[in-house]
Amino acid sequence: MAVYKCSVCGTIYDEEKEGVPISELKQCPVCKQLIEKFIKISDDNDDEQREKHSDKYISDAKEAKETESVEEKIKKKSSEADTDMQDLSYDSRFRREDPDSRYMSEIHEMAVTGKSVHAAMGTTMPMPDWDEILILGAQLNPMPLEKNAPVNITTVIGKNAKRPMILAGPVYISHMSFGTLSREAKIALSKGSAMAQTAMCSGEGGILPDEMDAAHKYIFEYVPNKYSDSDKNLKNSDAIEIKIGQGTKPGMGGHLPGSKVTPEIASVRNTPLGQDVISPSRFPGIDTKDDLKALVETLRRRSDGRPIGIKIAAGRIERDLDYCLFAEPDFITIDGRGGATGSSPWLLRDATSVPTIYALYRARKYLDERHADIDLVITGGLRVSSDFTKALAMGANAVAVATAGLMAVGCQQYRICGSGNCPMGVATQDRALRYSPAKRSRLVYSQQRNF
């Protein structure tokens, strides 16, 4: 008998306590990933290790069992590989983890499944951290403010637009699609941001009407598939953002598994029920600077003067900004390395995009040198108020947050968003896992106030 830990969600499985050897299981009882994801962390001869962690084993095993009892009441979802692929599996008796053998387990997985490895959320690789930047406190020159001194953090996006978007503060909820997230999560984020009088973004999956209705200010993401593209929706939005790229998968489109395409999502995206949805990697018809400028002008006219933005991944920053400036948008959003996603090719995510801190510095420098009077929004890995303060001090006009908002509604970073089995009810379309948005919206509001 031994004790194992799921490398995806962290569930502890103690064979002695469960009474069933792990070899008889096909998947993790919590996150539904294949049982091959479990790593042995102690065995019968490791009494000292077992004693040291006994409390954690009991706690985690109890939690896993309770979760499994709930899972028995809901529709089981298969996450097993095809039978032909299972026949290719390596003998589990000899399986071992070796952190010094670069990418060994991932190569095994790709060899067995014939597919690239996908992963959720942001990279876990080391990179420049906001905690490494320090804030200089005011003392004499300049003098500090008193605790109750009035501070105006009102933020205007598109100050030169016919209809600027005015927010109570510079931090708002970034783009996350309805499809990746549940409708309850989207509505909770929207209501919470409305309580804080800031903005909510649609994400690339089109407009969820209840989410839009709940928002104080709403930024519609305009994508190549043109979901929800109508004059009415453009005029009902408070800003429109053209999505060119995303930090975790620059140069790529998107993929929503058919298992997540519910009737409501199929309606919003005007796509067949239960079929995979593929988003193109680029806009058809945008081949030159002039094409991009024409789109900006068209959206500005159709929206009756709402601020028009362009979102890019942090890559060839100066060259891409050259295109953006020519198009004359009202704001530019840069998504840096450190940002998250519902699912992206793991190796691509870990091997691309400029870290957000460097991207912000380079973008601000480029815009200032050209005297560009365009608002700069930064996103990608910023979590807490000290991060936002540093970003604003470095020249950002606003900050868009995604993962921090998800954490407020309960995300525990299981990193299984693409599976549809999120036990917290955030990244799933399973009705049995989803929750009422009322309480979660208060949590988002409390978080926004702390921001």
Protein backbone atom coordinates (compact mmCIF):
# COMPACT_ATOMS: atom_id res chain seq x y z
CA MET A 1 0.00 0.00 0.00
CA ALA A 2 1.22 3.50 -0.85
CA VAL A 3 0.13 7.13 -0.89
CA TYR A 4 -0.19 9.05 -4.14
CA LYS A 5 -0.80 12.67 -5.08
CA CYS A 6 -2.56 13.95 -8.20
CA SER A 7 -0.09 16.20 -10.02
CA VAL A 8 -2.99 18.19 -11.50
CA CYS A 9 -5.26 19.06 -8.57
CA GLY A 10 -3.22 17.90 -5.56
CA THR A 11 -5.68 15.26 -4.31
CA ILE A 12 -4.06 12.75 -1.92
CA TYR A 13 -4.97 9.08 -2.40
CA ASP A 14 -3.98 6.69 0.41
CA GLU A 15 -4.47 3.09 -0.71
CA GLU A 16 -4.57 1.81 2.87
CA LYS A 17 -7.32 4.20 3.95
CA GLU A 18 -9.33 3.88 0.75
CA GLY A 19 -9.07 0.10 0.67
CA VAL A 20 -8.61 0.08 -3.11
CA PRO A 21 -5.25 0.04 -4.91
CA ILE A 22 -4.74 2.98 -7.21
CA SER A 23 -4.15 0.61 -10.13
CA GLU A 24 -7.90 -0.14 -10.12
CA LEU A 25 -8.82 3.52 -10.68
CA LYS A 26 -9.07 5.08 -14.12
CA GLN A 27 -9.17 8.73 -13.13
CA CYS A 28 -8.75 11.18 -10.26
CA PRO A 29 -11.97 11.30 -8.20
CA VAL A 30 -11.78 15.11 -8.05
CA CYS A 31 -10.42 16.51 -11.33
CA LYS A 32 -11.17 13.48 -13.55
CA GLN A 33 -7.70 13.45 -15.08
CA LEU A 34 -6.19 10.08 -16.02
CA ILE A 35 -4.79 8.10 -13.10
CA GLU A 36 -1.33 8.32 -14.70
CA LYS A 37 -1.24 11.88 -13.34
CA PHE A 38 -0.79 10.51 -9.78
CA ILE A 39 2.71 10.48 -8.29
CA LYS A 40 3.78 8.14 -5.49
CA ILE A 41 4.84 10.16 -2.44
CA SER A 42 5.27 7.37 0.16
CA ASP A 43 5.02 3.59 0.55
CA ASP A 44 4.71 0.96 3.30
CA ASN A 45 8.34 1.29 4.30
CA ASP A 46 8.17 5.07 4.64
CA ASP A 47 6.61 5.20 8.12
CA GLU A 48 8.41 8.40 9.09
CA GLN A 49 7.15 10.21 6.00
CA ARG A 50 3.62 8.85 6.53
CA GLU A 51 3.61 9.98 10.17
CA LYS A 52 4.93 13.41 9.26
CA HIS A 53 2.11 14.04 6.82
CA SER A 54 -0.64 11.93 8.41
CA ASP A 55 -2.88 14.88 9.22
CA LYS A 56 -2.67 16.14 5.64
CA TYR A 57 -3.37 12.67 4.24
CA ILE A 58 -6.48 12.31 6.39
CA SER A 59 -7.73 15.80 5.57
CA ASP A 60 -7.13 15.53 1.84
CA ALA A 61 -8.45 11.98 1.63
CA LYS A 62 -11.62 13.03 3.46
CA GLU A 63 -12.06 16.00 1.14
CA ALA A 64 -11.50 13.81 -1.91
CA LYS A 65 -14.02 11.25 -0.64
CA GLU A 66 -16.61 13.95 0.06
CA THR A 67 -16.08 15.35 -3.41
CA GLU A 68 -16.42 11.90 -4.91
CA SER A 69 -19.73 11.33 -3.11
CA VAL A 70 -21.03 14.47 -4.77
CA GLU A 71 -19.61 13.38 -8.09
CA GLU A 72 -21.58 10.12 -7.86
CA LYS A 73 -24.76 12.16 -8.02
CA ILE A 74 -23.87 13.99 -11.20
CA LYS A 75 -23.36 12.90 -14.75
CA LYS A 76 -19.98 11.21 -15.17
CA LYS A 77 -17.75 12.72 -17.82
CA SER A 78 -15.22 10.59 -19.60
CA SER A 79 -11.69 11.89 -19.74
CA GLU A 80 -10.09 8.57 -20.68
CA ALA A 81 -7.90 8.24 -23.73
CA ASP A 82 -9.12 6.18 -26.68
CA THR A 83 -8.74 2.41 -26.28
CA ASP A 84 -6.12 2.31 -29.01
CA MET A 85 -4.11 4.94 -27.21
CA GLN A 86 -4.42 3.09 -23.89
CA ASP A 87 -2.84 0.06 -25.55
CA LEU A 88 0.27 2.18 -26.05
CA SER A 89 0.60 3.05 -22.37
CA TYR A 90 3.84 2.27 -20.57
CA ASP A 91 3.93 -0.32 -17.80
CA SER A 92 2.89 1.66 -14.71
CA ARG A 93 4.97 -0.59 -12.45
CA PHE A 94 8.12 1.04 -13.74
CA ARG A 95 6.83 4.59 -14.01
CA ARG A 96 8.93 7.15 -12.18
CA GLU A 97 9.11 10.91 -11.80
CA ASP A 98 12.47 12.55 -12.34
CA PRO A 99 12.54 16.35 -12.13
CA ASP A 100 16.07 16.31 -13.54
CA SER A 101 14.91 14.60 -16.75
CA ARG A 102 13.64 17.54 -18.75
CA TYR A 103 10.12 16.99 -20.17
CA MET A 104 10.25 13.19 -19.73
CA SER A 105 6.68 12.77 -18.45
CA GLU A 106 5.31 15.17 -21.06
CA ILE A 107 7.08 13.30 -23.86
CA HIS A 108 5.56 10.07 -22.54
CA GLU A 109 2.11 11.65 -22.54
CA MET A 110 2.44 12.98 -26.08
CA ALA A 111 3.76 9.63 -27.30
CA VAL A 112 0.84 7.72 -25.78
CA THR A 113 -1.97 10.10 -26.76
CA GLY A 114 -0.60 11.38 -30.05
CA LYS A 115 -1.63 14.87 -28.98
CA SER A 116 0.14 17.96 -27.72
CA VAL A 117 -0.17 18.72 -24.02
CA HIS A 118 -2.62 21.49 -23.16
CA ALA A 119 -2.63 23.42 -19.91
CA ALA A 120 -4.77 25.99 -18.15
CA MET A 121 -3.86 29.23 -16.39
CA GLY A 122 -0.48 30.96 -16.68
CA THR A 123 3.04 29.60 -16.90
CA THR A 124 4.64 28.25 -13.74
CA MET A 125 8.15 28.92 -15.04
CA PRO A 126 10.32 31.51 -13.24
CA MET A 127 10.07 35.04 -14.61
CA PRO A 128 10.40 38.67 -13.46
CA ASP A 129 8.02 39.26 -10.57
CA TRP A 130 6.12 42.36 -9.48
CA ASP A 131 7.38 41.68 -5.95
CA GLU A 132 10.89 42.50 -7.16
CA ILE A 133 9.85 46.11 -7.84
CA LEU A 134 9.66 48.36 -4.78
CA ILE A 135 7.59 51.47 -4.11
CA LEU A 136 9.22 54.64 -2.76
CA GLY A 137 7.15 56.01 0.10
CA ALA A 138 6.59 59.76 0.47
CA GLN A 139 8.10 61.44 3.57
CA LEU A 140 9.34 65.01 3.07
CA ASN A 141 9.73 65.62 -0.63
CA PRO A 142 6.97 64.98 -1.48
CA MET A 143 4.96 65.00 1.74
CA PRO A 144 2.58 62.08 2.40
CA LEU A 145 -1.18 62.52 2.45
CA GLU A 146 -3.23 62.21 5.62
CA LYS A 147 -5.25 59.02 5.96
CA ASN A 148 -8.57 60.76 5.25
CA ALA A 149 -7.30 63.06 2.51
CA PRO A 150 -9.46 62.87 -0.64
CA VAL A 151 -7.93 60.86 -3.47
CA ASN A 152 -9.42 60.87 -6.95
CA ILE A 153 -8.71 57.67 -8.88
CA THR A 154 -11.42 58.18 -11.48
CA THR A 155 -10.18 56.63 -14.71
CA VAL A 156 -11.19 57.64 -18.22
CA ILE A 157 -10.63 55.19 -21.08
CA GLY A 158 -10.80 56.91 -24.45
CA LYS A 159 -10.58 60.49 -23.24
CA ASN A 160 -10.60 61.75 -26.82
CA ALA A 161 -13.54 59.59 -27.91
CA LYS A 162 -17.01 60.97 -28.51
CA ARG A 163 -18.30 58.82 -25.63
CA PRO A 164 -15.43 58.16 -23.17
CA MET A 165 -15.75 55.30 -20.69
CA ILE A 166 -15.51 56.64 -17.12
CA LEU A 167 -14.64 54.25 -14.27
CA ALA A 168 -14.43 54.79 -10.52
CA GLY A 169 -10.93 53.30 -10.52
CA PRO A 170 -8.19 52.02 -12.84
CA VAL A 171 -8.70 48.27 -12.27
CA TYR A 172 -11.35 46.23 -14.07
CA ILE A 173 -12.23 42.61 -14.92
CA SER A 174 -10.48 41.42 -18.07
CA HIS A 175 -11.75 39.28 -20.94
CA MET A 176 -12.79 35.70 -20.12
CA SER A 177 -15.26 33.99 -22.40
CA PHE A 178 -18.69 32.60 -21.64
CA GLY A 179 -17.93 29.01 -22.50
CA THR A 180 -14.67 28.75 -20.67
CA LEU A 181 -16.47 30.20 -17.62
CA SER A 182 -19.94 29.31 -16.40
CA ARG A 183 -22.75 31.84 -16.79
CA GLU A 184 -22.85 32.11 -13.00
CA ALA A 185 -19.17 33.03 -12.83
CA LYS A 186 -19.58 35.61 -15.58
CA ILE A 187 -22.60 37.20 -13.90
CA ALA A 188 -20.93 37.22 -10.47
CA LEU A 189 -17.88 38.99 -11.91
CA SER A 190 -20.09 41.48 -13.73
CA LYS A 191 -22.24 42.27 -10.69
CA GLY A 192 -19.20 42.61 -8.44
CA SER A 193 -17.48 44.96 -10.87
CA ALA A 194 -20.70 46.99 -11.11
CA MET A 195 -20.81 47.41 -7.33
CA ALA A 196 -17.30 48.83 -7.57
CA GLN A 197 -18.36 51.00 -10.54
CA THR A 198 -15.68 49.62 -12.80
CA ALA A 199 -15.83 47.61 -16.04
CA MET A 200 -16.54 44.04 -17.08
CA CYS A 201 -15.26 42.51 -20.33
CA SER A 202 -17.14 40.08 -22.55
CA GLY A 203 -14.30 37.76 -23.53
CA GLU A 204 -13.99 36.24 -26.99
CA GLY A 205 -17.17 34.13 -26.77
CA GLY A 206 -19.67 36.86 -27.54
CA ILE A 207 -22.10 38.73 -25.31
CA LEU A 208 -24.00 36.97 -22.51
CA PRO A 209 -27.04 39.29 -22.18
CA ASP A 210 -27.48 38.83 -18.41
CA GLU A 211 -23.81 39.62 -17.87
CA MET A 212 -24.03 42.75 -20.00
CA ASP A 213 -27.19 43.89 -18.19
CA ALA A 214 -25.49 43.46 -14.80
CA ALA A 215 -22.39 45.48 -15.72
CA HIS A 216 -21.74 49.10 -14.78
CA LYS A 217 -19.52 49.48 -17.85
CA TYR A 218 -19.07 46.79 -20.48
CA ILE A 219 -16.19 46.22 -22.91
CA PHE A 220 -17.12 44.07 -25.90
CA GLU A 221 -14.32 41.99 -27.38
CA TYR A 222 -14.47 42.00 -31.17
CA VAL A 223 -13.00 38.75 -32.55
CA PRO A 224 -12.48 37.16 -36.00
CA ASN A 225 -15.59 34.97 -35.60
CA LYS A 226 -17.60 38.17 -35.05
CA TYR A 227 -19.76 36.76 -32.27
CA SER A 228 -22.54 39.18 -31.20
CA ASP A 229 -21.50 41.61 -33.93
CA SER A 230 -24.44 43.96 -34.42
CA ASP A 231 -24.93 47.72 -34.35
CA LYS A 232 -27.21 47.29 -31.33
CA ASN A 233 -24.58 45.41 -29.32
CA LEU A 234 -21.86 47.87 -30.31
CA LYS A 235 -23.97 50.82 -29.16
CA ASN A 236 -25.00 49.05 -25.94
CA SER A 237 -21.34 48.48 -25.06
CA ASP A 238 -19.23 51.14 -23.37
CA ALA A 239 -16.07 50.29 -25.30
CA ILE A 240 -15.07 47.85 -28.03
CA GLU A 241 -11.74 46.02 -28.08
CA ILE A 242 -10.35 44.32 -31.18
CA LYS A 243 -8.60 41.13 -30.11
CA ILE A 244 -5.45 40.61 -32.14
CA GLY A 245 -3.54 38.44 -29.68
CA GLN A 246 -3.38 36.83 -26.25
CA GLY A 247 -0.29 36.43 -24.09
CA THR A 248 -0.57 32.69 -23.47
CA LYS A 249 -1.04 31.78 -27.13
CA PRO A 250 0.16 34.58 -29.42
CA GLY A 251 -0.50 34.01 -33.09
CA MET A 252 -3.13 31.38 -32.33
CA GLY A 253 -6.89 31.31 -32.24
CA GLY A 254 -9.06 29.55 -29.70
CA HIS A 255 -10.73 26.18 -29.19
CA LEU A 256 -13.86 25.51 -27.16
CA PRO A 257 -14.55 21.76 -26.76
CA GLY A 258 -17.97 20.59 -27.91
CA SER A 259 -18.70 19.32 -24.40
CA LYS A 260 -18.89 22.95 -23.30
CA VAL A 261 -21.12 24.12 -26.15
CA THR A 262 -24.46 24.17 -24.34
CA PRO A 263 -27.69 25.43 -25.98
CA GLU A 264 -27.10 28.91 -24.53
CA ILE A 265 -23.49 29.07 -25.71
CA ALA A 266 -24.50 27.73 -29.13
CA SER A 267 -27.07 30.53 -29.34
CA VAL A 268 -24.61 33.26 -28.31
CA ARG A 269 -21.98 32.04 -30.77
CA ASN A 270 -24.45 30.99 -33.48
CA THR A 271 -22.78 27.60 -33.73
CA PRO A 272 -24.07 23.98 -33.72
CA LEU A 273 -24.85 22.47 -30.32
CA GLY A 274 -22.18 20.17 -28.92
CA GLN A 275 -19.61 20.78 -31.66
CA ASP A 276 -16.08 22.08 -31.14
CA VAL A 277 -15.72 25.79 -31.83
CA ILE A 278 -12.51 26.94 -33.51
CA SER A 279 -11.52 30.60 -33.52
CA PRO A 280 -9.17 31.78 -36.32
CA SER A 281 -5.70 33.07 -35.49
CA ARG A 282 -6.24 36.29 -37.43
CA PHE A 283 -8.90 38.55 -38.86
CA PRO A 284 -9.76 37.81 -42.48
CA GLY A 285 -9.33 40.99 -44.46
CA ILE A 286 -6.75 42.60 -42.17
CA ASP A 287 -3.50 42.36 -44.09
CA THR A 288 -2.10 45.89 -43.80
CA LYS A 289 -2.03 48.92 -41.53
CA ASP A 290 -4.74 50.47 -43.67
CA ASP A 291 -7.00 47.46 -43.15
CA LEU A 292 -6.65 47.71 -39.37
CA LYS A 293 -7.31 51.44 -39.46
CA ALA A 294 -10.41 50.87 -41.57
CA LEU A 295 -11.77 48.41 -38.99
CA VAL A 296 -11.15 50.87 -36.14
CA GLU A 297 -12.95 53.60 -38.05
CA THR A 298 -15.85 51.30 -38.92
CA LEU A 299 -16.36 50.19 -35.32
CA ARG A 300 -16.10 53.79 -34.11
CA ARG A 301 -18.81 54.84 -36.55
CA ARG A 302 -21.08 51.85 -35.89
CA SER A 303 -20.80 52.27 -32.11
CA ASP A 304 -21.55 56.00 -32.30
CA GLY A 305 -18.22 57.05 -30.86
CA ARG A 306 -17.48 54.46 -28.19
CA PRO A 307 -13.76 54.06 -27.37
CA ILE A 308 -12.12 51.53 -29.70
CA GLY A 309 -9.19 49.50 -28.40
CA ILE A 310 -6.71 47.00 -29.82
CA LYS A 311 -5.43 44.11 -27.71
CA ILE A 312 -2.09 42.48 -28.55
CA ALA A 313 0.14 39.87 -26.96
CA ALA A 314 3.52 41.14 -25.79
CA GLY A 315 5.79 40.00 -28.60
CA ARG A 316 7.29 42.29 -31.23
CA ILE A 317 6.05 45.17 -29.12
CA GLU A 318 7.41 48.19 -30.99
CA ARG A 319 6.59 46.80 -34.43
CA ASP A 320 3.06 45.87 -33.40
CA LEU A 321 2.53 49.23 -31.72
CA ASP A 322 3.56 50.90 -34.97
CA TYR A 323 0.57 49.20 -36.63
CA CYS A 324 -1.68 50.11 -33.72
CA LEU A 325 -0.74 53.80 -33.73
CA PHE A 326 -1.38 54.03 -37.45
CA ALA A 327 -4.90 52.68 -36.85
CA GLU A 328 -5.56 55.47 -34.29
CA PRO A 329 -7.44 53.54 -31.58
CA ASP A 330 -8.50 55.16 -28.31
CA PHE A 331 -6.67 52.61 -26.16
CA ILE A 332 -4.23 49.74 -26.51
CA THR A 333 -4.14 46.68 -24.26
CA ILE A 334 -0.95 44.64 -23.94
CA ASP A 335 -1.20 41.10 -22.57
CA GLY A 336 2.14 40.01 -21.15
CA ARG A 337 3.74 36.74 -20.16
CA GLY A 338 2.26 35.71 -16.83
CA GLY A 339 -1.34 36.01 -17.91
CA ALA A 340 -3.69 33.04 -17.92
CA THR A 341 -6.04 31.12 -20.20
CA GLY A 342 -8.69 28.43 -20.02
CA SER A 343 -6.54 26.17 -22.16
CA SER A 344 -3.58 26.59 -24.47
CA PRO A 345 -0.78 24.39 -25.84
CA TRP A 346 1.47 23.97 -22.84
CA LEU A 347 4.79 24.24 -24.65
CA LEU A 348 3.61 27.31 -26.55
CA ARG A 349 2.42 29.00 -23.37
CA ASP A 350 5.72 28.38 -21.62
CA ALA A 351 7.90 29.44 -24.56
CA THR A 352 6.32 32.70 -25.70
CA SER A 353 5.53 36.34 -24.88
CA VAL A 354 7.52 39.09 -23.20
CA PRO A 355 7.08 39.28 -19.39
CA THR A 356 4.48 41.89 -18.46
CA ILE A 357 6.89 44.13 -16.56
CA TYR A 358 9.24 44.47 -19.54
CA ALA A 359 6.33 44.80 -21.96
CA LEU A 360 4.86 47.69 -19.99
CA TYR A 361 8.19 49.53 -19.87
CA ARG A 362 8.81 49.11 -23.60
CA ALA A 363 5.26 50.10 -24.55
CA ARG A 364 5.25 53.22 -22.37
CA LYS A 365 8.64 54.28 -23.73
CA TYR A 366 7.52 53.76 -27.32
CA LEU A 367 4.27 55.70 -26.89
CA ASP A 368 5.97 58.58 -25.06
CA GLU A 369 8.68 58.94 -27.69
CA ARG A 370 5.97 59.36 -30.30
CA HIS A 371 3.82 61.65 -28.15
CA ALA A 372 0.93 59.24 -28.63
CA ASP A 373 -2.15 60.41 -26.74
CA ILE A 374 -3.58 56.89 -26.43
CA ASP A 375 -4.51 55.13 -23.20
CA LEU A 376 -2.38 52.11 -22.29
CA VAL A 377 -3.98 49.16 -20.50
CA ILE A 378 -1.77 46.39 -19.11
CA THR A 379 -2.78 42.84 -18.25
CA GLY A 380 -1.07 39.53 -17.55
CA GLY A 381 -0.30 38.26 -14.07
CA LEU A 382 -1.16 41.26 -11.90
CA ARG A 383 -2.95 40.14 -8.73
CA VAL A 384 -2.99 42.64 -5.85
CA SER A 385 -3.07 46.38 -5.20
CA SER A 386 0.71 46.68 -4.90
CA ASP A 387 1.06 45.17 -8.40
CA PHE A 388 -1.46 47.66 -9.77
CA THR A 389 0.22 50.61 -8.06
CA LYS A 390 3.55 49.66 -9.58
CA ALA A 391 2.03 49.23 -13.04
CA LEU A 392 0.35 52.64 -12.84
CA ALA A 393 3.59 54.23 -11.64
CA MET A 394 5.36 52.66 -14.63
CA GLY A 395 2.94 54.32 -17.01
CA ALA A 396 -0.17 52.17 -17.40
CA ASN A 397 -3.43 54.10 -17.51
CA ALA A 398 -5.45 51.09 -16.35
CA VAL A 399 -5.04 47.45 -15.36
CA ALA A 400 -7.23 44.53 -16.46
CA VAL A 401 -7.30 41.49 -14.16
CA ALA A 402 -8.63 38.01 -14.87
CA THR A 403 -7.17 35.36 -12.55
CA ALA A 404 -7.46 37.63 -9.51
CA GLY A 405 -11.16 38.00 -10.26
CA LEU A 406 -11.56 34.25 -10.64
CA MET A 407 -9.89 33.74 -7.28
CA ALA A 408 -12.45 36.08 -5.73
CA VAL A 409 -15.30 33.88 -6.99
CA GLY A 410 -13.61 30.77 -5.63
CA CYS A 411 -10.98 29.57 -8.12
CA GLN A 412 -8.50 27.27 -6.38
CA GLN A 413 -6.11 26.95 -9.34
CA TYR A 414 -6.81 23.29 -10.05
CA ARG A 415 -5.62 24.09 -13.58
CA ILE A 416 -8.23 21.87 -15.24
CA CYS A 417 -10.35 24.60 -16.85
CA GLY A 418 -10.40 22.86 -20.22
CA SER A 419 -11.82 19.64 -18.78
CA GLY A 420 -15.19 21.08 -17.76
CA ASN A 421 -14.82 19.45 -14.34
CA CYS A 422 -13.92 22.51 -12.24
CA PRO A 423 -15.06 21.47 -8.74
CA MET A 424 -15.50 25.14 -7.74
CA GLY A 425 -18.11 25.70 -10.45
CA VAL A 426 -16.13 28.48 -12.12
CA ALA A 427 -14.83 26.97 -15.38
CA THR A 428 -17.58 24.48 -16.16
CA GLN A 429 -20.93 24.17 -17.90
CA ASP A 430 -22.05 21.30 -15.65
CA ARG A 431 -25.22 22.45 -13.88
CA ALA A 432 -24.48 20.27 -10.86
CA LEU A 433 -21.19 22.07 -10.26
CA ARG A 434 -22.34 25.63 -10.85
CA TYR A 435 -23.46 28.03 -8.11
CA SER A 436 -25.66 31.04 -7.43
CA PRO A 437 -23.81 34.24 -8.39
CA ALA A 438 -25.30 36.42 -5.63
CA LYS A 439 -22.78 35.64 -2.86
CA ARG A 440 -19.83 35.44 -5.24
CA SER A 441 -20.57 38.92 -6.62
CA ARG A 442 -20.18 40.33 -3.10
CA LEU A 443 -16.79 38.65 -2.90
CA VAL A 444 -15.73 40.31 -6.16
CA TYR A 445 -16.93 43.68 -4.86
CA SER A 446 -14.98 43.24 -1.60
CA GLN A 447 -11.90 42.37 -3.62
CA GLN A 448 -12.36 45.41 -5.88
CA ARG A 449 -12.66 47.68 -2.85
CA ASN A 450 -9.38 46.31 -1.53
CA PHE A 451 -7.84 47.04 -4.93
